[in-house]
């Protein structure tokens, strides 16, 4: 038992605190794009993250994130502006 506790302490000291508290990258990207994130529950019971953008556009968060490789495009290249 002492070994498990020691391993947990060692791992905890290696991983930066910010990494443990980091949010969902797709949700963060949604906010960077000027939207707000909402969790929607599907009839199956699964949950998905939706990004509500300006002009009432709604995109699944991970789809949006992958469309732009997680990098906010310049305004002229942004289809959601």
PDB file of N, CA and C in Angstrom:
ATOM      1  N   UNK A   1       0.821  -1.193   0.000  1.00  0.00           N
ATOM      2  CA  UNK A   1       0.000   0.000   0.000  1.00  0.00           C
ATOM      3  C   UNK A   1       0.867   1.259   0.000  1.00  0.00           C
ATOM      4  N   UNK A   2       1.978   1.212   0.738  1.00  0.00           N
ATOM      5  CA  UNK A   2       2.868   2.364   0.790  1.00  0.00           C
ATOM      6  C   UNK A   2       3.472   2.642  -0.582  1.00  0.00           C
ATOM      7  N   UNK A   3       3.727   1.583  -1.338  1.00  0.00           N
ATOM      8  CA  UNK A   3       4.305   1.746  -2.677  1.00  0.00           C
ATOM      9  C   UNK A   3       3.320   2.474  -3.584  1.00  0.00           C
ATOM     10  N   UNK A   4       2.043   2.097  -3.519  1.00  0.00           N
ATOM     11  CA  UNK A   4       1.028   2.763  -4.348  1.00  0.00           C
ATOM     12  C   UNK A   4       0.929   4.247  -3.998  1.00  0.00           C
ATOM     13  N   UNK A   5       0.980   4.557  -2.723  1.00  0.00           N
ATOM     14  CA  UNK A   5       0.906   5.955  -2.297  1.00  0.00           C
ATOM     15  C   UNK A   5       2.128   6.724  -2.780  1.00  0.00           C
ATOM     16  N   UNK A   6       3.290   6.099  -2.709  1.00  0.00           N
ATOM     17  CA  UNK A   6       4.521   6.738  -3.168  1.00  0.00           C
ATOM     18  C   UNK A   6       4.477   6.992  -4.670  1.00  0.00           C
ATOM     19  N   UNK A   7       3.979   6.012  -5.421  1.00  0.00           N
ATOM     20  CA  UNK A   7       3.852   6.172  -6.879  1.00  0.00           C
ATOM     21  C   UNK A   7       2.893   7.314  -7.201  1.00  0.00           C
ATOM     22  N   UNK A   8       1.781   7.380  -6.494  1.00  0.00           N
ATOM     23  CA  UNK A   8       0.797   8.446  -6.727  1.00  0.00           C
ATOM     24  C   UNK A   8       1.401   9.817  -6.445  1.00  0.00           C
ATOM     25  N   UNK A   9       2.188   9.928  -5.387  1.00  0.00           N
ATOM     26  CA  UNK A   9       2.833  11.200  -5.056  1.00  0.00           C
ATOM     27  C   UNK A   9       3.843  11.574  -6.131  1.00  0.00           C
ATOM     28  N   UNK A  10       4.619  10.585  -6.589  1.00  0.00           N
ATOM     29  CA  UNK A  10       5.618  10.850  -7.631  1.00  0.00           C
ATOM     30  C   UNK A  10       4.957  11.302  -8.928  1.00  0.00           C
ATOM     31  N   UNK A  11       3.904  10.624  -9.322  1.00  0.00           N
ATOM     32  CA  UNK A  11       3.203  10.989 -10.557  1.00  0.00           C
ATOM     33  C   UNK A  11       2.587  12.374 -10.413  1.00  0.00           C
ATOM     34  N   UNK A  12       2.004  12.646  -9.267  1.00  0.00           N
ATOM     35  CA  UNK A  12       1.400  13.951  -9.028  1.00  0.00           C
ATOM     36  C   UNK A  12       2.411  15.077  -9.074  1.00  0.00           C
ATOM     37  N   UNK A  13       3.648  14.791  -8.680  1.00  0.00           N
ATOM     38  CA  UNK A  13       4.666  15.838  -8.708  1.00  0.00           C
ATOM     39  C   UNK A  13       5.252  16.025 -10.100  1.00  0.00           C
ATOM     40  N   UNK A  14       5.102  15.028 -10.975  1.00  0.00           N
ATOM     41  CA  UNK A  14       5.620  15.121 -12.342  1.00  0.00           C
ATOM     42  C   UNK A  14       4.651  15.875 -13.243  1.00  0.00           C
ATOM     43  N   UNK A  15       3.363  15.633 -13.085  1.00  0.00           N
ATOM     44  CA  UNK A  15       2.343  16.248 -13.938  1.00  0.00           C
ATOM     45  C   UNK A  15       2.066  17.663 -13.443  1.00  0.00           C
ATOM     46  N   UNK A  16       2.222  18.659 -14.306  1.00  0.00           N
ATOM     47  CA  UNK A  16       1.943  20.040 -13.885  1.00  0.00           C
ATOM     48  C   UNK A  16       0.490  20.208 -13.460  1.00  0.00           C
ATOM     49  N   UNK A  17       0.270  21.059 -12.472  1.00  0.00           N
ATOM     50  CA  UNK A  17      -1.080  21.295 -11.959  1.00  0.00           C
ATOM     51  C   UNK A  17      -1.995  21.791 -13.065  1.00  0.00           C
ATOM     52  N   UNK A  18      -1.508  22.661 -13.931  1.00  0.00           N
ATOM     53  CA  UNK A  18      -2.318  23.186 -15.026  1.00  0.00           C
ATOM     54  C   UNK A  18      -2.805  22.095 -15.957  1.00  0.00           C
ATOM     55  N   UNK A  19      -1.997  21.064 -16.157  1.00  0.00           N
ATOM     56  CA  UNK A  19      -2.394  19.971 -17.042  1.00  0.00           C
ATOM     57  C   UNK A  19      -3.543  19.181 -16.439  1.00  0.00           C
ATOM     58  N   UNK A  20      -3.561  19.052 -15.117  1.00  0.00           N
ATOM     59  CA  UNK A  20      -4.639  18.315 -14.469  1.00  0.00           C
ATOM     60  C   UNK A  20      -5.947  19.091 -14.517  1.00  0.00           C
ATOM     61  N   UNK A  21      -5.859  20.416 -14.508  1.00  0.00           N
ATOM     62  CA  UNK A  21      -7.056  21.248 -14.471  1.00  0.00           C
ATOM     63  C   UNK A  21      -7.463  21.747 -15.853  1.00  0.00           C
ATOM     64  N   UNK A  22      -6.777  21.274 -16.897  1.00  0.00           N
ATOM     65  CA  UNK A  22      -7.043  21.765 -18.242  1.00  0.00           C
ATOM     66  C   UNK A  22      -8.432  21.332 -18.712  1.00  0.00           C
ATOM     67  N   UNK A  23      -9.143  22.243 -19.366  1.00  0.00           N
ATOM     68  CA  UNK A  23     -10.477  21.953 -19.857  1.00  0.00           C
ATOM     69  C   UNK A  23     -10.464  21.216 -21.185  1.00  0.00           C
ATOM     70  N   UNK A  24     -11.634  20.939 -21.686  1.00  0.00           N
ATOM     71  CA  UNK A  24     -11.801  20.277 -22.972  1.00  0.00           C
ATOM     72  C   UNK A  24     -11.286  21.206 -24.077  1.00  0.00           C
ATOM     73  N   UNK A  25     -10.296  20.770 -24.869  1.00  0.00           N
ATOM     74  CA  UNK A  25      -9.748  21.629 -25.920  1.00  0.00           C
ATOM     75  C   UNK A  25     -10.805  22.109 -26.915  1.00  0.00           C
ATOM     76  N   UNK A  26     -11.786  21.267 -27.225  1.00  0.00           N
ATOM     77  CA  UNK A  26     -12.828  21.660 -28.176  1.00  0.00           C
ATOM     78  C   UNK A  26     -13.719  22.751 -27.586  1.00  0.00           C
ATOM     79  N   UNK A  27     -14.005  22.684 -26.298  1.00  0.00           N
ATOM     80  CA  UNK A  27     -14.811  23.719 -25.637  1.00  0.00           C
ATOM     81  C   UNK A  27     -14.053  25.036 -25.567  1.00  0.00           C
ATOM     82  N   UNK A  28     -12.769  24.958 -25.277  1.00  0.00           N
ATOM     83  CA  UNK A  28     -11.935  26.161 -25.228  1.00  0.00           C
ATOM     84  C   UNK A  28     -11.871  26.807 -26.607  1.00  0.00           C
ATOM     85  N   UNK A  29     -11.711  25.983 -27.648  1.00  0.00           N
ATOM     86  CA  UNK A  29     -11.650  26.501 -29.013  1.00  0.00           C
ATOM     87  C   UNK A  29     -12.969  27.163 -29.401  1.00  0.00           C
ATOM     88  N   UNK A  30     -14.081  26.576 -28.981  1.00  0.00           N
ATOM     89  CA  UNK A  30     -15.402  27.163 -29.238  1.00  0.00           C
ATOM     90  C   UNK A  30     -15.448  28.592 -28.700  1.00  0.00           C
ATOM     91  N   UNK A  31     -14.967  28.793 -27.485  1.00  0.00           N
ATOM     92  CA  UNK A  31     -14.961  30.130 -26.887  1.00  0.00           C
ATOM     93  C   UNK A  31     -14.030  31.068 -27.649  1.00  0.00           C
ATOM     94  N   UNK A  32     -12.884  30.543 -28.108  1.00  0.00           N
ATOM     95  CA  UNK A  32     -11.953  31.362 -28.889  1.00  0.00           C
ATOM     96  C   UNK A  32     -12.584  31.813 -30.205  1.00  0.00           C
ATOM     97  N   UNK A  33     -13.502  31.017 -30.726  1.00  0.00           N
ATOM     98  CA  UNK A  33     -14.189  31.347 -31.974  1.00  0.00           C
ATOM     99  C   UNK A  33     -15.365  32.289 -31.732  1.00  0.00           C
ATOM    100  N   UNK A  34     -15.578  32.695 -30.476  1.00  0.00           N
ATOM    101  CA  UNK A  34     -16.645  33.633 -30.154  1.00  0.00           C
ATOM    102  C   UNK A  34     -17.957  32.962 -29.802  1.00  0.00           C
ATOM    103  N   UNK A  35     -17.927  31.662 -29.603  1.00  0.00           N
ATOM    104  CA  UNK A  35     -19.147  30.935 -29.273  1.00  0.00           C
ATOM    105  C   UNK A  35     -19.224  30.600 -27.795  1.00  0.00           C
ATOM    106  N   UNK A  36     -20.269  29.869 -27.440  1.00  0.00           N
ATOM    107  CA  UNK A  36     -20.359  29.345 -26.081  1.00  0.00           C
ATOM    108  C   UNK A  36     -20.745  27.877 -26.154  1.00  0.00           C
ATOM    109  N   UNK A  37     -20.199  27.119 -25.237  1.00  0.00           N
ATOM    110  CA  UNK A  37     -20.324  25.667 -25.225  1.00  0.00           C
ATOM    111  C   UNK A  37     -21.542  25.225 -24.417  1.00  0.00           C
ATOM    112  N   UNK A  38     -22.264  24.248 -24.967  1.00  0.00           N
ATOM    113  CA  UNK A  38     -23.430  23.680 -24.292  1.00  0.00           C
ATOM    114  C   UNK A  38     -23.351  22.165 -24.423  1.00  0.00           C
ATOM    115  N   UNK A  39     -23.605  21.454 -23.335  1.00  0.00           N
ATOM    116  CA  UNK A  39     -23.640  19.995 -23.374  1.00  0.00           C
ATOM    117  C   UNK A  39     -25.078  19.573 -23.653  1.00  0.00           C
ATOM    118  N   UNK A  40     -25.256  18.766 -24.698  1.00  0.00           N
ATOM    119  CA  UNK A  40     -26.593  18.284 -25.070  1.00  0.00           C
ATOM    120  C   UNK A  40     -26.670  16.785 -24.812  1.00  0.00           C
ATOM    121  N   UNK A  41     -27.796  16.345 -24.291  1.00  0.00           N
ATOM    122  CA  UNK A  41     -28.003  14.929 -24.026  1.00  0.00           C
ATOM    123  C   UNK A  41     -28.820  14.329 -25.165  1.00  0.00           C
ATOM    124  N   UNK A  42     -28.304  13.261 -25.759  1.00  0.00           N
ATOM    125  CA  UNK A  42     -28.981  12.580 -26.858  1.00  0.00           C
ATOM    126  C   UNK A  42     -30.007  11.597 -26.318  1.00  0.00           C
ATOM    127  N   UNK A  43     -30.973  11.171 -27.143  1.00  0.00           N
ATOM    128  CA  UNK A  43     -31.964  10.195 -26.689  1.00  0.00           C
ATOM    129  C   UNK A  43     -31.330   8.900 -26.171  1.00  0.00           C
ATOM    130  N   UNK A  44     -30.147   8.566 -26.688  1.00  0.00           N
ATOM    131  CA  UNK A  44     -29.452   7.348 -26.253  1.00  0.00           C
ATOM    132  C   UNK A  44     -28.857   7.497 -24.855  1.00  0.00           C
ATOM    133  N   UNK A  45     -28.825   8.733 -24.346  1.00  0.00           N
ATOM    134  CA  UNK A  45     -28.220   8.994 -23.048  1.00  0.00           C
ATOM    135  C   UNK A  45     -26.810   9.545 -23.164  1.00  0.00           C
ATOM    136  N   UNK A  46     -26.225   9.458 -24.358  1.00  0.00           N
ATOM    137  CA  UNK A  46     -24.893  10.021 -24.587  1.00  0.00           C
ATOM    138  C   UNK A  46     -24.958  11.540 -24.531  1.00  0.00           C
ATOM    139  N   UNK A  47     -23.826  12.156 -24.276  1.00  0.00           N
ATOM    140  CA  UNK A  47     -23.746  13.614 -24.251  1.00  0.00           C
ATOM    141  C   UNK A  47     -22.759  14.090 -25.301  1.00  0.00           C
ATOM    142  N   UNK A  48     -23.071  15.220 -25.933  1.00  0.00           N
ATOM    143  CA  UNK A  48     -22.158  15.830 -26.899  1.00  0.00           C
ATOM    144  C   UNK A  48     -22.042  17.318 -26.580  1.00  0.00           C
ATOM    145  N   UNK A  49     -20.914  17.880 -26.955  1.00  0.00           N
ATOM    146  CA  UNK A  49     -20.702  19.308 -26.771  1.00  0.00           C
ATOM    147  C   UNK A  49     -21.063  20.048 -28.039  1.00  0.00           C
ATOM    148  N   UNK A  50     -21.900  21.041 -27.914  1.00  0.00           N
ATOM    149  CA  UNK A  50     -22.283  21.872 -29.050  1.00  0.00           C
ATOM    150  C   UNK A  50     -21.731  23.272 -28.845  1.00  0.00           C
ATOM    151  N   UNK A  51     -21.331  23.886 -29.936  1.00  0.00           N
ATOM    152  CA  UNK A  51     -20.822  25.254 -29.899  1.00  0.00           C
ATOM    153  C   UNK A  51     -21.842  26.156 -30.573  1.00  0.00           C
ATOM    154  N   UNK A  52     -22.422  27.066 -29.806  1.00  0.00           N
ATOM    155  CA  UNK A  52     -23.369  28.040 -30.340  1.00  0.00           C
ATOM    156  C   UNK A  52     -22.578  29.264 -30.778  1.00  0.00           C
ATOM    157  N   UNK A  53     -22.516  29.472 -32.085  1.00  0.00           N
ATOM    158  CA  UNK A  53     -21.774  30.590 -32.662  1.00  0.00           C
ATOM    159  C   UNK A  53     -22.725  31.732 -33.004  1.00  0.00           C
ATOM    160  N   UNK A  54     -22.159  32.828 -33.477  1.00  0.00           N
ATOM    161  CA  UNK A  54     -22.980  33.975 -33.860  1.00  0.00           C
ATOM    162  C   UNK A  54     -23.932  33.606 -34.992  1.00  0.00           C
ATOM    163  N   UNK A  55     -24.932  34.399 -35.195  1.00  0.00           N
ATOM    164  CA  UNK A  55     -25.952  34.184 -36.233  1.00  0.00           C
ATOM    165  C   UNK A  55     -26.668  32.844 -36.087  1.00  0.00           C
ATOM    166  N   UNK A  56     -26.803  32.381 -34.847  1.00  0.00           N
ATOM    167  CA  UNK A  56     -27.555  31.164 -34.534  1.00  0.00           C
ATOM    168  C   UNK A  56     -26.998  29.918 -35.211  1.00  0.00           C
ATOM    169  N   UNK A  57     -25.697  29.894 -35.453  1.00  0.00           N
ATOM    170  CA  UNK A  57     -25.059  28.707 -36.025  1.00  0.00           C
ATOM    171  C   UNK A  57     -24.633  27.790 -34.891  1.00  0.00           C
ATOM    172  N   UNK A  58     -24.916  26.489 -35.046  1.00  0.00           N
ATOM    173  CA  UNK A  58     -24.573  25.501 -34.034  1.00  0.00           C
ATOM    174  C   UNK A  58     -23.711  24.429 -34.695  1.00  0.00           C
ATOM    175  N   UNK A  59     -22.566  24.140 -34.071  1.00  0.00           N
ATOM    176  CA  UNK A  59     -21.645  23.139 -34.602  1.00  0.00           C
ATOM    177  C   UNK A  59     -21.211  22.237 -33.449  1.00  0.00           C
ATOM    178  N   UNK A  60     -21.085  20.946 -33.721  1.00  0.00           N
ATOM    179  CA  UNK A  60     -20.544  20.031 -32.723  1.00  0.00           C
ATOM    180  C   UNK A  60     -19.106  20.460 -32.443  1.00  0.00           C
ATOM    181  N   UNK A  61     -18.741  20.550 -31.173  1.00  0.00           N
ATOM    182  CA  UNK A  61     -17.454  21.138 -30.783  1.00  0.00           C
ATOM    183  C   UNK A  61     -16.242  20.470 -31.421  1.00  0.00           C
ATOM    184  N   UNK A  62     -16.177  19.154 -31.378  1.00  0.00           N
ATOM    185  CA  UNK A  62     -15.000  18.467 -31.922  1.00  0.00           C
ATOM    186  C   UNK A  62     -14.943  18.589 -33.435  1.00  0.00           C
ATOM    187  N   UNK A  63     -16.084  18.676 -34.094  1.00  0.00           N
ATOM    188  CA  UNK A  63     -16.097  18.893 -35.545  1.00  0.00           C
ATOM    189  C   UNK A  63     -15.491  20.255 -35.857  1.00  0.00           C
ATOM    190  N   UNK A  64     -15.897  21.273 -35.108  1.00  0.00           N
ATOM    191  CA  UNK A  64     -15.354  22.617 -35.286  1.00  0.00           C
ATOM    192  C   UNK A  64     -13.850  22.629 -35.033  1.00  0.00           C
ATOM    193  N   UNK A  65     -13.435  21.992 -33.958  1.00  0.00           N
ATOM    194  CA  UNK A  65     -12.020  21.937 -33.598  1.00  0.00           C
ATOM    195  C   UNK A  65     -11.199  21.299 -34.718  1.00  0.00           C
ATOM    196  N   UNK A  66     -11.690  20.191 -35.264  1.00  0.00           N
ATOM    197  CA  UNK A  66     -10.958  19.478 -36.323  1.00  0.00           C
ATOM    198  C   UNK A  66     -10.987  20.228 -37.654  1.00  0.00           C
ATOM    199  N   UNK A  67     -12.064  20.967 -37.916  1.00  0.00           N
ATOM    200  CA  UNK A  67     -12.146  21.738 -39.164  1.00  0.00           C
ATOM    201  C   UNK A  67     -10.977  22.704 -39.298  1.00  0.00           C
ATOM    202  N   UNK A  68     -10.557  23.264 -38.173  1.00  0.00           N
ATOM    203  CA  UNK A  68      -9.516  24.290 -38.186  1.00  0.00           C
ATOM    204  C   UNK A  68      -8.233  23.829 -37.490  1.00  0.00           C
ATOM    205  N   UNK A  69      -8.117  22.533 -37.234  1.00  0.00           N
ATOM    206  CA  UNK A  69      -6.937  21.985 -36.542  1.00  0.00           C
ATOM    207  C   UNK A  69      -6.660  22.704 -35.226  1.00  0.00           C
ATOM    208  N   UNK A  70      -7.702  23.184 -34.574  1.00  0.00           N
ATOM    209  CA  UNK A  70      -7.558  23.836 -33.279  1.00  0.00           C
ATOM    210  C   UNK A  70      -6.938  25.218 -33.332  1.00  0.00           C
ATOM    211  N   UNK A  71      -6.859  25.805 -34.534  1.00  0.00           N
ATOM    212  CA  UNK A  71      -6.265  27.140 -34.688  1.00  0.00           C
ATOM    213  C   UNK A  71      -7.310  28.093 -35.245  1.00  0.00           C
ATOM    214  N   UNK A  72      -7.551  29.175 -34.542  1.00  0.00           N
ATOM    215  CA  UNK A  72      -8.550  30.149 -34.991  1.00  0.00           C
ATOM    216  C   UNK A  72      -8.106  30.763 -36.316  1.00  0.00           C
ATOM    217  N   UNK A  73      -8.969  30.697 -37.341  1.00  0.00           N
ATOM    218  CA  UNK A  73      -8.598  31.271 -38.641  1.00  0.00           C
ATOM    219  C   UNK A  73      -8.712  32.793 -38.637  1.00  0.00           C
ATOM    220  N   UNK A  74      -8.036  33.407 -39.596  1.00  0.00           N
ATOM    221  CA  UNK A  74      -8.188  34.849 -39.792  1.00  0.00           C
ATOM    222  C   UNK A  74      -9.640  35.122 -40.161  1.00  0.00           C
ATOM    223  N   UNK A  75     -10.147  36.284 -39.821  1.00  0.00           N
ATOM    224  CA  UNK A  75     -11.559  36.601 -40.072  1.00  0.00           C
ATOM    225  C   UNK A  75     -11.971  36.356 -41.519  1.00  0.00           C
ATOM    226  N   UNK A  76     -11.110  36.680 -42.465  1.00  0.00           N
ATOM    227  CA  UNK A  76     -11.481  36.509 -43.873  1.00  0.00           C
ATOM    228  C   UNK A  76     -11.614  35.041 -44.270  1.00  0.00           C
ATOM    229  N   UNK A  77     -11.011  34.125 -43.496  1.00  0.00           N
ATOM    230  CA  UNK A  77     -11.076  32.693 -43.784  1.00  0.00           C
ATOM    231  C   UNK A  77     -12.055  31.952 -42.881  1.00  0.00           C
ATOM    232  N   UNK A  78     -12.777  32.674 -42.063  1.00  0.00           N
ATOM    233  CA  UNK A  78     -13.671  32.060 -41.091  1.00  0.00           C
ATOM    234  C   UNK A  78     -15.097  32.008 -41.637  1.00  0.00           C
ATOM    235  N   UNK A  79     -15.594  30.811 -41.970  1.00  0.00           N
ATOM    236  CA  UNK A  79     -16.954  30.713 -42.502  1.00  0.00           C
ATOM    237  C   UNK A  79     -18.032  31.000 -41.456  1.00  0.00           C
ATOM    238  N   UNK A  80     -17.653  31.077 -40.171  1.00  0.00           N
ATOM    239  CA  UNK A  80     -18.620  31.290 -39.098  1.00  0.00           C
ATOM    240  C   UNK A  80     -18.613  32.722 -38.574  1.00  0.00           C
ATOM    241  N   UNK A  81     -18.001  33.654 -39.288  1.00  0.00           N
ATOM    242  CA  UNK A  81     -17.930  35.036 -38.796  1.00  0.00           C
ATOM    243  C   UNK A  81     -19.235  35.737 -38.904  1.00  0.00           C
TER     244      UNK A  81
END
